Amino acid sequence: MKSAEILNEAINLKSTERFMLVEEILKSLDKPDVSLDKIWIDEAQKRLNAYRSGKAKGIPMEEIF
């Protein structure tokens, strides 16, 4: 079945069924990516090390909000 046919079928579903379908499709796209997780872990560690060594300064929460 082609995507246009699937879309046409989905549009004709009840709204609750469409919502459940969309939710499942979005969940299928939200899968962990180990390589991205490693990049963010490394970046967080660099930022923490820079903060602890005094190379980076924090901003008080009151200033941010």
Protein backbone atom coordinates (compact mmCIF):
# COMPACT_ATOMS: atom_id res chain seq x y z
CA MET A 1 0.00 0.00 0.00
CA LYS A 2 1.36 3.43 -0.94
CA SER A 3 1.65 6.24 1.59
CA ALA A 4 -1.10 8.24 -0.15
CA GLU A 5 -3.46 5.30 0.25
CA ILE A 6 -2.50 4.89 3.89
CA LEU A 7 -3.07 8.60 4.48
CA ASN A 8 -6.47 8.43 2.83
CA GLU A 9 -7.43 5.47 5.03
CA ALA A 10 -6.13 7.24 8.16
CA ILE A 11 -8.07 10.42 7.43
CA ASN A 12 -11.27 8.40 7.36
CA LEU A 13 -10.71 6.96 10.85
CA LYS A 14 -12.54 8.26 13.92
CA SER A 15 -10.69 11.11 15.62
CA THR A 16 -9.66 8.92 18.59
CA GLU A 17 -8.26 6.31 16.22
CA ARG A 18 -6.35 8.99 14.28
CA PHE A 19 -4.93 10.32 17.53
CA MET A 20 -3.74 6.84 18.56
CA LEU A 21 -2.22 6.31 15.12
CA VAL A 22 -0.34 9.61 15.23
CA GLU A 23 0.88 8.87 18.74
CA GLU A 24 2.26 5.49 17.68
CA ILE A 25 3.94 6.96 14.60
CA LEU A 26 5.60 9.66 16.71
CA LYS A 27 6.76 7.06 19.25
CA SER A 28 8.33 5.06 16.44
CA LEU A 29 10.43 8.10 15.50
CA ASP A 30 11.60 8.75 19.06
CA LYS A 31 14.22 6.04 19.39
CA PRO A 32 17.45 6.52 21.33
CA ASP A 33 20.55 7.19 19.29
CA VAL A 34 23.58 5.92 21.19
CA SER A 35 26.02 8.01 19.14
CA LEU A 36 24.08 11.23 19.91
CA ASP A 37 23.84 10.29 23.57
CA LYS A 38 27.63 9.92 23.69
CA ILE A 39 28.13 13.32 22.06
CA TRP A 40 25.83 14.98 24.66
CA ILE A 41 27.51 13.13 27.55
CA ASP A 42 30.93 14.32 26.35
CA GLU A 43 29.65 17.89 25.95
CA ALA A 44 28.08 17.89 29.42
CA GLN A 45 31.33 16.61 30.92
CA LYS A 46 33.34 19.34 29.12
CA ARG A 47 30.97 22.03 30.42
CA LEU A 48 31.09 20.66 33.96
CA ASN A 49 34.89 20.51 33.88
CA ALA A 50 35.07 24.08 32.53
CA TYR A 51 32.74 25.28 35.30
CA ARG A 52 34.67 23.48 38.04
CA SER A 53 38.02 24.79 36.76
CA GLY A 54 36.73 28.38 36.59
CA LYS A 55 36.98 28.61 32.80
CA ALA A 56 33.20 28.98 32.58
CA LYS A 57 30.92 30.85 34.92
CA GLY A 58 27.37 30.00 35.81
CA ILE A 59 24.45 32.38 35.49
CA PRO A 60 22.20 32.73 38.53
CA MET A 61 18.73 31.31 37.98
CA GLU A 62 17.17 34.65 38.87
CA GLU A 63 18.92 36.29 35.91
CA ILE A 64 17.76 33.60 33.51
CA PHE A 65 14.12 33.81 34.56
